[in-house]
Amino acid sequence: MTGAEAQRRSWAALAWVPSAQTVWPVFITVGVLALFLVAKLALILLVESIAPLQGYLIVFGVSTLAAFAGRNAHINHSSEIFARLSGATALGLAFYLLVEPTVYLAAQPDTRLVSAMLRVGDFAAFAAAVAGIRRPTFLIMPAVHVITARLLVDDVSGLPMGKHDILYLAEAGIFIALGSVVSRSLARARLELEPDVHRNLTHCFAFVAIGFHLANYFWSGIGKVILDGRPFEWLLANDVSNFLVVGIEKGIAPLGSVPALAQTVHDALSSGSLFFNGFVLTIQLLAIVSIARLMWLRVGAICYDLLHVGVYVFGGVLFWPWIWMNGAVLWAIRGENDRSVGISPKICCAICILVCGLPVLGAASWLAWYDVADTRISNVEAQTATSANWTPVPLSFFGAHSYSVSHGYLDRGHRAGHFDPSVPGLAYNSARRRADGSCAVPQVEDRPESEQAQVERLMYFDSFMRARHQAAKQEAKWFGKYAYYLRLHHHPSNPMLYSNFHALALDDIVRYRLVTRSVCLALKDGHVTRRILKEDAHVVEIY
């Protein structure tokens, strides 16, 4: 071998060695991701270990100090992808605070101050979100405020609330803020990074923020694959048409007001379950693959939004923050190509997706269950002094707690003759799925609700409904009779299904009742049929 040939082979071998342009951005981004995960765990432990008011003041105060400490960081200091994603995330958080304000009912007198403080925090968080459009570090304030409010809602109101509808938009905001601070700090420390390295670094920060979102799809797909039962039982046997039936019964499915169309869609979903399940499972599992090419990522984001639109139209479940985030992804990578982005951001995004599957630290959504129509549903009905009729109350009437009421959290007691308390229409074991449709009487409960627990639960319901009734009357004075429909939450009611309730004046309502039914549902001619296995009711008088 000649000397020239040996030199050429040496250079060819070095071509496979990752360059600083690739390695340094990945190394720094992984470090920032580790810092983020530790900080998130510390926030959760702090909020859950001390008094709610103290916890909120500490974390929001620290986030405010951090935002102002990094106020000099500007989107002009970052790449175009980072700047666009930062702006879209800021707008998303600001919009959330407008349409889903933190108006929690205080369960006890000693939580009223916390409730009021969270409401005041909305205004500061909104202002920070607007500032974050140009100065990304301010995103940490609305993001921390939103997450902390969701962690405290049970302490304040007595009703827990899921976080997965908004959590990942907030996490993206926090990470963008951290990335902006790190990027600016490197510049101020006079660590002169090559322009390509700095651009790749901010690309990496943006793609990790995208990774928080994509992780939900990927791990939801994994969850469906490993769900209890035979291999691929969810894919082959889950009847997605049950989702529509339960949505109509809960009063949230838009198709519920068009019976003929509802029946047609129900039949199509039932006969085409394998196709629909296959589409959902495929696009979810491919989430981690879609980042390899920007064209795949664009197609994936569009497919996910089509999925969410379908989920809302068929079942009434609105994932608007996820729809927003998919739009933010499309906006951020507009006009970019794989060569301009490089490999580093994709590596960072893949790492983030995998890490998000870790318990506690990652906390990605594992949205995996069987859809069933033999289920347990709790709802609230109203009665006036001049009528013996009970009128169903729309879920949206419960304001910030509509999501929790929809999940059945007003009655989580285990009782004989009832199905186990769970989110209506959902089952996590294959035995329940296989029994669905047989309307089998539930087995005798081996861990029944104690008498004391039942008394406390019903006392809570009484105080909750009285407080909510008064709050609804005040809202009606300010914003009109239908003010409760202005809130854009996860399970919005279909107003066209509640004309009877709309005909009632709030001042005429003298009592409410909580009705819990274990029921077998079906759809006939576009209308829900019910076979009730057991029904419990509790009445509260409105003073």
Protein backbone atom coordinates (compact mmCIF):
# COMPACT_ATOMS: atom_id res chain seq x y z
CA MET A 1 0.00 0.00 0.00
CA THR A 2 1.38 3.37 -0.97
CA GLY A 3 1.60 6.30 1.42
CA ALA A 4 -1.07 8.22 -0.54
CA GLU A 5 -3.49 5.28 -0.35
CA ALA A 6 -2.93 4.94 3.39
CA GLN A 7 -3.61 8.64 3.88
CA ARG A 8 -6.84 8.44 1.87
CA ARG A 9 -8.03 5.49 3.97
CA SER A 10 -7.22 7.40 7.17
CA TRP A 11 -9.29 10.38 6.04
CA ALA A 12 -12.13 8.03 4.99
CA ALA A 13 -12.13 6.47 8.47
CA LEU A 14 -12.21 9.91 10.13
CA ALA A 15 -15.26 10.80 8.05
CA TRP A 16 -17.25 8.37 10.23
CA VAL A 17 -16.16 10.12 13.44
CA PRO A 18 -18.91 12.49 14.69
CA SER A 19 -17.88 16.11 14.38
CA ALA A 20 -18.05 18.76 17.10
CA GLN A 21 -20.99 20.18 15.18
CA THR A 22 -22.88 16.97 16.01
CA VAL A 23 -21.47 15.90 19.38
CA TRP A 24 -21.45 19.13 21.40
CA PRO A 25 -25.11 20.05 20.82
CA VAL A 26 -26.22 16.53 21.78
CA PHE A 27 -23.98 16.48 24.86
CA ILE A 28 -25.18 19.88 26.10
CA THR A 29 -28.84 19.15 25.33
CA VAL A 30 -28.80 15.85 27.21
CA GLY A 31 -27.34 17.69 30.19
CA VAL A 32 -30.11 20.29 30.06
CA LEU A 33 -32.70 17.51 29.73
CA ALA A 34 -31.31 15.82 32.85
CA LEU A 35 -31.48 19.15 34.68
CA PHE A 36 -35.07 19.61 33.55
CA LEU A 37 -36.11 16.15 34.79
CA VAL A 38 -34.51 16.69 38.18
CA ALA A 39 -36.13 20.13 38.49
CA LYS A 40 -39.54 18.68 37.56
CA LEU A 41 -39.21 15.96 40.19
CA ALA A 42 -38.17 18.54 42.78
CA LEU A 43 -41.19 20.70 41.90
CA ILE A 44 -43.59 17.77 42.34
CA LEU A 45 -42.03 16.72 45.66
CA LEU A 46 -42.07 20.28 46.97
CA VAL A 47 -45.69 20.98 46.03
CA GLU A 48 -46.90 17.67 47.45
CA SER A 49 -44.92 17.83 50.70
CA ILE A 50 -45.84 21.26 52.09
CA ALA A 51 -48.96 23.39 52.49
CA PRO A 52 -50.57 24.26 49.14
CA LEU A 53 -50.25 28.03 49.52
CA GLN A 54 -46.60 27.84 50.55
CA GLY A 55 -45.82 25.41 47.74
CA TYR A 56 -47.40 27.60 45.09
CA LEU A 57 -45.75 30.80 46.31
CA ILE A 58 -42.32 29.17 46.40
CA VAL A 59 -42.39 27.56 42.95
CA PHE A 60 -44.05 30.52 41.24
CA GLY A 61 -41.68 32.92 43.00
CA VAL A 62 -38.63 30.92 41.90
CA SER A 63 -39.94 30.72 38.33
CA THR A 64 -40.49 34.50 38.31
CA LEU A 65 -36.93 35.15 39.51
CA ALA A 66 -35.60 32.76 36.87
CA ALA A 67 -37.62 34.47 34.13
CA PHE A 68 -36.33 37.94 35.00
CA ALA A 69 -32.77 36.70 35.52
CA GLY A 70 -32.75 35.47 31.91
CA ARG A 71 -34.74 38.36 30.47
CA ASN A 72 -31.90 39.37 28.14
CA ALA A 73 -32.31 36.14 26.16
CA HIS A 74 -34.16 36.98 22.95
CA ILE A 75 -35.47 34.85 20.10
CA ASN A 76 -33.02 36.71 17.82
CA HIS A 77 -30.24 34.83 19.62
CA SER A 78 -31.60 31.47 18.44
CA SER A 79 -32.31 29.53 15.27
CA GLU A 80 -35.45 30.09 13.23
CA ILE A 81 -36.90 26.73 14.31
CA PHE A 82 -36.36 27.53 17.98
CA ALA A 83 -37.83 31.03 17.61
CA ARG A 84 -40.96 29.80 15.83
CA LEU A 85 -41.59 26.98 18.29
CA SER A 86 -41.00 29.32 21.22
CA GLY A 87 -43.51 31.84 19.89
CA ALA A 88 -46.14 29.18 19.16
CA THR A 89 -45.70 27.66 22.63
CA ALA A 90 -46.05 31.09 24.25
CA LEU A 91 -49.25 31.76 22.32
CA GLY A 92 -50.58 28.31 23.27
CA LEU A 93 -50.01 28.93 26.98
CA ALA A 94 -51.55 32.40 26.76
CA PHE A 95 -54.58 31.00 24.96
CA TYR A 96 -54.94 28.25 27.57
CA LEU A 97 -55.01 30.82 30.38
CA LEU A 98 -57.75 32.72 28.53
CA VAL A 99 -60.04 29.79 27.75
CA GLU A 100 -59.29 27.59 30.79
CA PRO A 101 -58.79 30.01 33.70
CA THR A 102 -57.85 28.57 37.09
CA VAL A 103 -61.20 29.04 38.79
CA TYR A 104 -61.20 26.25 41.38
CA LEU A 105 -63.98 25.84 43.93
CA ALA A 106 -62.58 25.80 47.46
CA ALA A 107 -63.63 22.57 49.20
CA GLN A 108 -62.90 23.98 52.65
CA PRO A 109 -62.68 27.52 54.04
CA ASP A 110 -58.92 27.14 54.58
CA THR A 111 -58.34 26.55 50.83
CA ARG A 112 -60.11 29.71 49.67
CA LEU A 113 -56.94 31.76 49.85
CA VAL A 114 -55.06 29.22 47.71
CA SER A 115 -57.90 29.25 45.18
CA ALA A 116 -57.81 33.05 45.04
CA MET A 117 -54.01 33.08 44.72
CA LEU A 118 -54.13 30.66 41.79
CA ARG A 119 -56.66 32.89 40.07
CA VAL A 120 -54.44 35.95 40.60
CA GLY A 121 -51.52 33.92 39.30
CA ASP A 122 -53.40 33.50 36.00
CA PHE A 123 -52.95 37.20 35.23
CA ALA A 124 -49.22 37.24 35.96
CA ALA A 125 -48.78 34.01 34.01
CA PHE A 126 -50.70 35.42 31.03
CA ALA A 127 -48.55 38.56 30.97
CA ALA A 128 -45.42 36.39 31.11
CA ALA A 129 -46.71 34.20 28.27
CA VAL A 130 -47.16 37.30 26.11
CA ALA A 131 -43.64 38.47 27.00
CA GLY A 132 -42.41 34.96 26.18
CA ILE A 133 -43.32 35.40 22.53
CA ARG A 134 -40.13 37.43 22.15
CA ARG A 135 -38.21 36.52 25.31
CA PRO A 136 -38.39 32.74 25.83
CA THR A 137 -37.26 32.65 29.47
CA PHE A 138 -40.61 34.12 30.51
CA LEU A 139 -42.29 30.91 29.36
CA ILE A 140 -41.22 29.31 32.62
CA MET A 141 -43.77 31.39 34.55
CA PRO A 142 -47.01 30.33 32.80
CA ALA A 143 -45.72 26.77 32.39
CA VAL A 144 -44.89 26.36 36.09
CA HIS A 145 -48.15 28.07 37.06
CA VAL A 146 -50.23 25.67 34.93
CA ILE A 147 -48.47 22.53 36.19
CA THR A 148 -48.57 23.61 39.84
CA ALA A 149 -52.27 24.47 39.60
CA ARG A 150 -53.02 20.97 38.30
CA LEU A 151 -50.97 19.44 41.14
CA LEU A 152 -52.90 21.47 43.72
CA VAL A 153 -56.44 21.11 42.35
CA ASP A 154 -57.23 18.09 44.55
CA ASP A 155 -56.05 19.90 47.70
CA VAL A 156 -58.03 23.02 46.82
CA SER A 157 -61.27 21.56 45.49
CA GLY A 158 -61.34 17.96 46.68
CA LEU A 159 -61.56 16.72 43.08
CA PRO A 160 -58.47 15.42 41.28
CA MET A 161 -57.89 16.38 37.66
CA GLY A 162 -55.84 14.79 34.91
CA LYS A 163 -52.81 16.66 33.58
CA HIS A 164 -52.13 15.05 30.22
CA ASP A 165 -54.22 17.50 28.22
CA ILE A 166 -51.92 20.48 28.97
CA LEU A 167 -48.82 19.05 30.70
CA TYR A 168 -46.68 18.61 27.59
CA LEU A 169 -47.30 22.07 26.19
CA ALA A 170 -46.20 23.40 29.59
CA GLU A 171 -43.15 21.13 29.66
CA ALA A 172 -42.17 22.36 26.22
CA GLY A 173 -42.37 25.92 27.55
CA ILE A 174 -40.12 25.16 30.52
CA PHE A 175 -37.53 23.42 28.37
CA ILE A 176 -37.51 26.20 25.81
CA ALA A 177 -36.90 28.66 28.64
CA LEU A 178 -34.04 26.55 30.00
CA GLY A 179 -32.55 26.15 26.54
CA SER A 180 -32.69 29.89 25.97
CA VAL A 181 -30.87 30.55 29.25
CA VAL A 182 -28.18 27.97 28.50
CA SER A 183 -27.66 29.26 24.98
CA ARG A 184 -27.37 32.85 26.21
CA SER A 185 -25.12 31.85 29.12
CA LEU A 186 -22.66 30.14 26.81
CA ALA A 187 -22.43 33.32 24.78
CA ARG A 188 -21.97 35.54 27.86
CA ALA A 189 -19.29 33.19 29.23
CA ARG A 190 -17.40 33.90 26.00
CA LEU A 191 -17.41 30.23 25.04
CA GLU A 192 -17.27 30.98 21.35
CA LEU A 193 -19.15 28.19 19.63
CA GLU A 194 -18.94 27.84 15.90
CA PRO A 195 -22.07 29.27 14.23
CA ASP A 196 -23.10 25.80 13.03
CA VAL A 197 -22.68 24.36 16.54
CA HIS A 198 -24.79 27.12 18.10
CA ARG A 199 -27.50 26.70 15.47
CA ASN A 200 -27.55 22.94 16.02
CA LEU A 201 -27.72 23.48 19.77
CA THR A 202 -30.85 25.62 19.55
CA HIS A 203 -32.28 23.14 17.03
CA CYS A 204 -31.69 20.42 19.62
CA PHE A 205 -33.50 22.40 22.31
CA ALA A 206 -36.48 22.84 19.98
CA PHE A 207 -36.58 19.16 19.01
CA VAL A 208 -36.51 18.05 22.65
CA ALA A 209 -39.54 20.28 23.26
CA ILE A 210 -41.17 18.51 20.31
CA GLY A 211 -40.08 15.18 21.79
CA PHE A 212 -42.14 15.75 24.95
CA HIS A 213 -45.18 15.86 22.70
CA LEU A 214 -44.30 12.98 20.37
CA ALA A 215 -43.51 10.73 23.33
CA ASN A 216 -47.21 10.61 24.19
CA TYR A 217 -48.06 9.05 20.86
CA PHE A 218 -45.18 6.58 20.93
CA TRP A 219 -45.76 5.32 24.46
CA SER A 220 -49.53 5.21 23.95
CA GLY A 221 -48.83 2.87 21.04
CA ILE A 222 -46.53 0.75 23.20
CA GLY A 223 -49.21 0.71 25.88
CA LYS A 224 -51.75 -0.68 23.41
CA VAL A 225 -49.33 -3.43 22.34
CA ILE A 226 -48.64 -4.59 25.91
CA LEU A 227 -52.18 -4.08 27.22
CA ASP A 228 -53.55 -6.99 29.22
CA GLY A 229 -54.79 -9.83 27.03
CA ARG A 230 -53.72 -11.89 24.07
CA PRO A 231 -51.01 -10.53 21.74
CA PHE A 232 -52.40 -7.58 19.76
CA GLU A 233 -55.84 -8.03 21.33
CA TRP A 234 -56.41 -4.27 21.30
CA LEU A 235 -55.68 -4.10 17.58
CA LEU A 236 -57.80 -7.11 16.65
CA ALA A 237 -60.72 -6.92 19.08
CA ASN A 238 -61.20 -3.43 20.50
CA ASP A 239 -64.58 -2.06 19.39
CA VAL A 240 -64.04 1.67 18.93
CA SER A 241 -67.76 2.25 18.27
CA ASN A 242 -68.30 2.00 22.04
CA PHE A 243 -66.41 5.26 22.34
CA LEU A 244 -69.17 7.01 20.38
CA VAL A 245 -71.96 5.42 22.44
CA VAL A 246 -70.41 6.52 25.75
CA GLY A 247 -69.73 9.99 24.36
CA ILE A 248 -73.40 10.41 23.48
CA GLU A 249 -74.48 9.11 26.88
CA LYS A 250 -72.20 11.63 28.61
CA GLY A 251 -73.59 14.43 26.44
CA ILE A 252 -70.28 15.42 24.87
CA ALA A 253 -70.31 13.79 21.41
CA PRO A 254 -71.19 16.27 18.62
CA LEU A 255 -72.87 13.46 16.67
CA GLY A 256 -75.32 12.93 19.52
CA SER A 257 -77.53 15.69 18.13
CA VAL A 258 -77.72 14.04 14.67
CA PRO A 259 -79.10 10.53 15.34
CA ALA A 260 -79.16 9.28 11.75
CA LEU A 261 -75.54 10.27 11.17
CA ALA A 262 -74.54 8.93 14.58
CA GLN A 263 -75.96 5.50 13.73
CA THR A 264 -74.20 5.46 10.36
CA VAL A 265 -70.86 6.40 11.92
CA HIS A 266 -71.37 3.89 14.74
CA ASP A 267 -71.94 1.06 12.28
CA ALA A 268 -68.91 2.12 10.22
CA LEU A 269 -66.70 2.25 13.31
CA SER A 270 -67.94 -1.14 14.49
CA SER A 271 -67.45 -2.92 11.18
CA GLY A 272 -64.16 -1.10 10.49
CA SER A 273 -62.62 -1.37 13.94
CA LEU A 274 -59.59 -3.25 12.65
CA PHE A 275 -58.85 -0.51 10.11
CA PHE A 276 -59.29 2.35 12.60
CA ASN A 277 -57.32 0.55 15.30
CA GLY A 278 -54.57 -0.23 12.82
CA PHE A 279 -54.34 3.40 11.69
CA VAL A 280 -54.10 4.68 15.29
CA LEU A 281 -51.56 2.06 16.38
CA THR A 282 -49.38 2.55 13.30
CA ILE A 283 -49.08 6.33 13.51
CA GLN A 284 -48.45 6.15 17.26
CA LEU A 285 -45.66 3.58 17.04
CA LEU A 286 -44.09 5.48 14.14
CA ALA A 287 -43.80 8.67 16.19
CA ILE A 288 -40.18 7.90 17.05
CA VAL A 289 -39.43 7.04 13.42
CA SER A 290 -41.07 10.17 12.01
CA ILE A 291 -38.28 12.39 13.34
CA ALA A 292 -35.78 10.80 10.96
CA ARG A 293 -37.11 12.88 8.05
CA LEU A 294 -38.82 16.26 8.24
CA MET A 295 -41.32 15.16 5.59
CA TRP A 296 -42.28 12.21 7.79
CA LEU A 297 -42.62 14.55 10.75
CA ARG A 298 -44.93 16.83 8.78
CA VAL A 299 -47.09 13.90 7.67
CA GLY A 300 -47.12 12.57 11.23
CA ALA A 301 -48.25 15.91 12.70
CA ILE A 302 -51.09 16.11 10.17
CA CYS A 303 -52.13 12.50 10.90
CA TYR A 304 -52.16 13.17 14.65
CA ASP A 305 -54.37 16.20 14.19
CA LEU A 306 -56.74 14.19 11.98
CA LEU A 307 -56.84 11.62 14.78
CA HIS A 308 -57.71 14.29 17.36
CA VAL A 309 -60.42 15.77 15.15
CA GLY A 310 -61.91 12.30 14.80
CA VAL A 311 -61.69 11.67 18.54
CA TYR A 312 -63.63 14.88 19.17
CA VAL A 313 -66.26 14.37 16.46
CA PHE A 314 -66.87 10.72 17.38
CA GLY A 315 -66.49 10.86 21.16
CA GLY A 316 -66.48 14.51 22.25
CA VAL A 317 -62.98 14.40 23.76
CA LEU A 318 -61.08 17.54 22.74
CA PHE A 319 -57.27 17.46 22.83
CA TRP A 320 -56.91 21.05 21.71
CA PRO A 321 -53.45 21.62 23.31
CA TRP A 322 -52.16 18.58 21.41
CA ILE A 323 -53.72 19.89 18.19
CA TRP A 324 -52.02 23.21 18.92
CA MET A 325 -48.66 21.53 19.47
CA ASN A 326 -48.89 19.65 16.18
CA GLY A 327 -49.57 22.96 14.47
CA ALA A 328 -46.59 24.46 16.29
CA VAL A 329 -44.39 21.66 14.96
CA LEU A 330 -45.53 22.31 11.39
CA TRP A 331 -44.92 26.04 11.83
CA ALA A 332 -41.49 25.55 13.41
CA ILE A 333 -40.09 23.38 10.61
CA ARG A 334 -41.71 25.36 7.78
CA GLY A 335 -39.26 25.84 4.93
CA GLU A 336 -36.61 23.61 6.56
CA ASN A 337 -35.08 20.45 5.13
CA ASP A 338 -33.10 17.55 6.56
CA ARG A 339 -29.79 19.04 5.48
CA SER A 340 -30.42 22.39 7.18
CA VAL A 341 -31.54 20.69 10.41
CA GLY A 342 -28.86 18.01 10.60
CA ILE A 343 -28.73 14.81 12.61
CA SER A 344 -28.12 16.21 16.12
CA PRO A 345 -31.66 17.51 16.78
CA LYS A 346 -33.13 14.18 15.68
CA ILE A 347 -30.85 12.28 18.06
CA CYS A 348 -31.88 14.60 20.89
CA CYS A 349 -35.55 14.15 20.06
CA ALA A 350 -35.23 10.35 20.03
CA ILE A 351 -33.46 10.43 23.41
CA CYS A 352 -36.23 12.60 24.83
CA ILE A 353 -38.98 10.30 23.53
CA LEU A 354 -37.32 7.27 25.12
CA VAL A 355 -36.63 9.03 28.43
CA CYS A 356 -40.25 10.21 28.64
CA GLY A 357 -41.31 6.58 28.98
CA LEU A 358 -39.57 6.31 32.34
CA PRO A 359 -41.87 6.23 35.38
CA VAL A 360 -42.02 9.40 37.53
CA LEU A 361 -39.30 11.27 35.64
CA GLY A 362 -40.67 10.88 32.14
CA ALA A 363 -44.42 10.66 32.77
CA ALA A 364 -45.49 10.43 29.12
CA SER A 365 -49.15 9.56 28.59
CA TRP A 366 -49.86 5.86 28.15
CA LEU A 367 -53.31 6.20 26.59
CA ALA A 368 -54.18 2.54 26.26
CA TRP A 369 -57.45 0.83 27.21
CA TYR A 370 -60.34 -1.17 25.81
CA ASP A 371 -63.52 0.70 24.84
CA VAL A 372 -66.55 -0.85 26.57
CA ALA A 373 -70.27 -0.04 26.65
CA ASP A 374 -71.07 -1.95 29.85
CA THR A 375 -69.83 0.68 32.25
CA ARG A 376 -70.45 2.88 35.27
CA ILE A 377 -71.45 6.51 34.78
CA SER A 378 -72.14 9.27 37.30
CA ASN A 379 -74.06 12.39 36.34
CA VAL A 380 -75.87 15.26 38.01
CA GLU A 381 -79.50 16.21 37.50
CA ALA A 382 -81.45 19.32 38.55
CA GLN A 383 -85.00 19.88 39.76
CA THR A 384 -87.13 23.00 40.23
CA ALA A 385 -89.77 23.61 42.91
CA THR A 386 -92.59 23.48 40.37
CA SER A 387 -91.68 20.22 38.63
CA ALA A 388 -91.16 16.61 39.62
CA ASN A 389 -88.89 16.02 36.60
CA TRP A 390 -85.14 15.62 36.95
CA THR A 391 -83.19 17.38 34.20
CA PRO A 392 -79.66 16.25 33.22
CA VAL A 393 -76.98 18.90 33.83
CA PRO A 394 -74.29 19.35 31.14
CA LEU A 395 -70.72 18.58 32.16
CA SER A 396 -69.65 22.05 31.05
CA PHE A 397 -71.78 23.48 33.89
CA PHE A 398 -69.03 22.46 36.32
CA GLY A 399 -66.50 24.90 34.92
CA ALA A 400 -62.89 24.09 35.75
CA HIS A 401 -64.04 20.78 37.24
CA SER A 402 -65.98 19.54 34.20
CA TYR A 403 -63.09 17.25 33.25
CA SER A 404 -63.09 15.68 36.73
CA VAL A 405 -66.87 15.24 36.85
CA SER A 406 -66.74 13.62 33.41
CA HIS A 407 -64.24 11.10 34.75
CA GLY A 408 -66.67 10.11 37.50
CA TYR A 409 -64.67 11.57 40.37
CA LEU A 410 -67.79 12.70 42.25
CA ASP A 411 -68.41 9.03 43.09
CA ARG A 412 -65.41 6.71 43.35
CA GLY A 413 -66.90 4.41 45.99
CA HIS A 414 -66.77 0.65 45.49
CA ARG A 415 -70.23 -0.89 46.04
CA ALA A 416 -71.83 -4.27 45.44
CA GLY A 417 -73.76 -4.51 42.19
CA HIS A 418 -71.76 -1.76 40.52
CA PHE A 419 -68.88 -1.95 38.10
CA ASP A 420 -65.59 -0.79 39.57
CA PRO A 421 -65.27 3.01 39.52
CA SER A 422 -63.25 4.11 36.52
CA VAL A 423 -63.42 6.57 33.66
CA PRO A 424 -66.73 5.74 31.91
CA GLY A 425 -66.30 3.50 28.89
CA LEU A 426 -62.74 2.42 29.72
CA ALA A 427 -61.47 -1.02 30.79
CA TYR A 428 -57.87 -2.00 31.36
CA ASN A 429 -58.17 -5.77 31.51
CA SER A 430 -59.13 -8.14 28.74
CA ALA A 431 -61.69 -10.03 30.85
CA ARG A 432 -63.84 -6.88 31.05
CA ARG A 433 -63.54 -6.40 27.29
CA ARG A 434 -64.58 -9.99 26.56
CA ALA A 435 -67.55 -9.70 28.89
CA ASP A 436 -68.65 -6.41 27.33
CA GLY A 437 -72.05 -6.68 25.67
CA SER A 438 -73.20 -9.58 27.84
CA CYS A 439 -74.50 -7.15 30.48
CA ALA A 440 -73.28 -9.50 33.19
CA VAL A 441 -74.02 -8.44 36.75
CA PRO A 442 -70.75 -7.28 38.34
CA GLN A 443 -69.20 -9.57 40.93
CA VAL A 444 -69.69 -8.83 44.60
CA GLU A 445 -67.24 -6.10 45.59
CA ASP A 446 -64.55 -7.39 47.95
CA ARG A 447 -63.39 -3.92 49.04
CA PRO A 448 -66.61 -1.97 49.53
CA GLU A 449 -66.75 1.70 50.43
CA SER A 450 -67.00 2.13 54.21
CA GLU A 451 -70.02 3.84 55.74
CA GLN A 452 -67.80 6.68 56.98
CA ALA A 453 -66.23 7.16 53.56
CA GLN A 454 -69.68 7.28 51.97
CA VAL A 455 -70.91 9.90 54.44
CA GLU A 456 -67.83 12.06 53.79
CA ARG A 457 -68.21 11.70 50.03
CA LEU A 458 -71.85 12.74 50.05
CA MET A 459 -71.17 15.65 52.41
CA TYR A 460 -68.49 16.81 49.99
CA PHE A 461 -70.93 16.55 47.07
CA ASP A 462 -73.46 18.67 48.98
CA SER A 463 -70.99 21.47 49.63
CA PHE A 464 -69.55 21.24 46.12
CA MET A 465 -72.94 21.58 44.41
CA ARG A 466 -74.05 24.47 46.59
CA ALA A 467 -70.82 26.31 45.87
CA ARG A 468 -70.97 25.56 42.17
CA HIS A 469 -74.60 26.67 41.93
CA GLN A 470 -73.77 30.03 43.49
CA ALA A 471 -70.69 30.42 41.29
CA ALA A 472 -72.75 29.68 38.16
CA LYS A 473 -75.27 32.36 39.15
CA GLN A 474 -72.48 34.91 39.54
CA GLU A 475 -70.96 33.95 36.19
CA ALA A 476 -74.37 34.33 34.55
CA LYS A 477 -74.63 37.90 35.83
CA TRP A 478 -71.29 38.80 34.27
CA PHE A 479 -71.17 36.73 31.10
CA GLY A 480 -74.70 35.54 30.44
CA LYS A 481 -76.77 32.46 31.15
CA TYR A 482 -74.60 30.16 29.05
CA ALA A 483 -71.26 31.35 30.42
CA TYR A 484 -70.22 27.79 31.31
CA TYR A 485 -69.98 26.95 27.60
CA LEU A 486 -67.25 29.56 27.12
CA ARG A 487 -64.65 27.31 28.71
CA LEU A 488 -62.72 25.26 26.14
CA HIS A 489 -61.83 22.17 28.15
CA HIS A 490 -61.08 18.50 27.53
CA HIS A 491 -64.68 17.17 27.62
CA PRO A 492 -66.94 20.03 26.40
CA SER A 493 -70.68 19.35 26.41
CA ASN A 494 -72.74 19.37 23.23
CA PRO A 495 -75.19 22.26 23.91
CA MET A 496 -77.75 20.85 21.47
CA LEU A 497 -78.35 17.92 23.84
CA TYR A 498 -79.36 20.09 26.80
CA SER A 499 -82.32 22.20 25.69
CA ASN A 500 -84.30 21.06 28.76
CA PHE A 501 -81.63 22.35 31.13
CA HIS A 502 -81.33 25.60 29.17
CA ALA A 503 -85.06 26.15 29.74
CA LEU A 504 -84.48 26.24 33.51
CA ALA A 505 -83.59 29.44 35.32
CA LEU A 506 -80.79 28.93 37.83
CA ASP A 507 -82.82 30.81 40.44
CA ASP A 508 -85.61 28.23 40.05
CA ILE A 509 -83.41 25.21 40.74
CA VAL A 510 -83.92 24.05 44.34
CA ARG A 511 -82.10 20.74 44.39
CA TYR A 512 -79.61 18.55 42.54
CA ARG A 513 -79.02 14.84 42.68
CA LEU A 514 -76.00 12.70 41.95
CA VAL A 515 -76.97 9.59 40.03
CA THR A 516 -74.57 6.67 39.63
CA ARG A 517 -75.57 3.92 37.25
CA SER A 518 -73.96 0.66 36.27
CA VAL A 519 -75.48 0.34 32.85
CA CYS A 520 -75.23 -1.54 29.58
CA LEU A 521 -75.38 0.84 26.64
CA ALA A 522 -76.17 0.33 22.98
CA LEU A 523 -77.12 2.50 20.04
CA LYS A 524 -80.38 1.99 18.15
CA ASP A 525 -81.56 4.36 15.43
CA GLY A 526 -79.00 6.88 16.66
CA HIS A 527 -80.32 6.93 20.23
CA VAL A 528 -78.73 5.35 23.29
CA THR A 529 -80.56 2.43 24.88
CA ARG A 530 -79.85 1.54 28.49
CA ARG A 531 -80.20 -1.58 30.59
CA ILE A 532 -79.57 -0.46 34.16
CA LEU A 533 -78.01 -3.05 36.46
CA LYS A 534 -77.93 -0.80 39.51
CA GLU A 535 -78.67 2.84 40.25
CA ASP A 536 -77.88 4.98 43.30
CA ALA A 537 -79.06 8.54 43.85
CA HIS A 538 -78.30 11.23 46.41
CA VAL A 539 -80.21 14.53 46.62
CA VAL A 540 -78.84 17.86 47.87
CA GLU A 541 -81.08 20.83 48.63
CA ILE A 542 -79.89 24.26 47.49
CA TYR A 543 -80.42 26.72 50.32
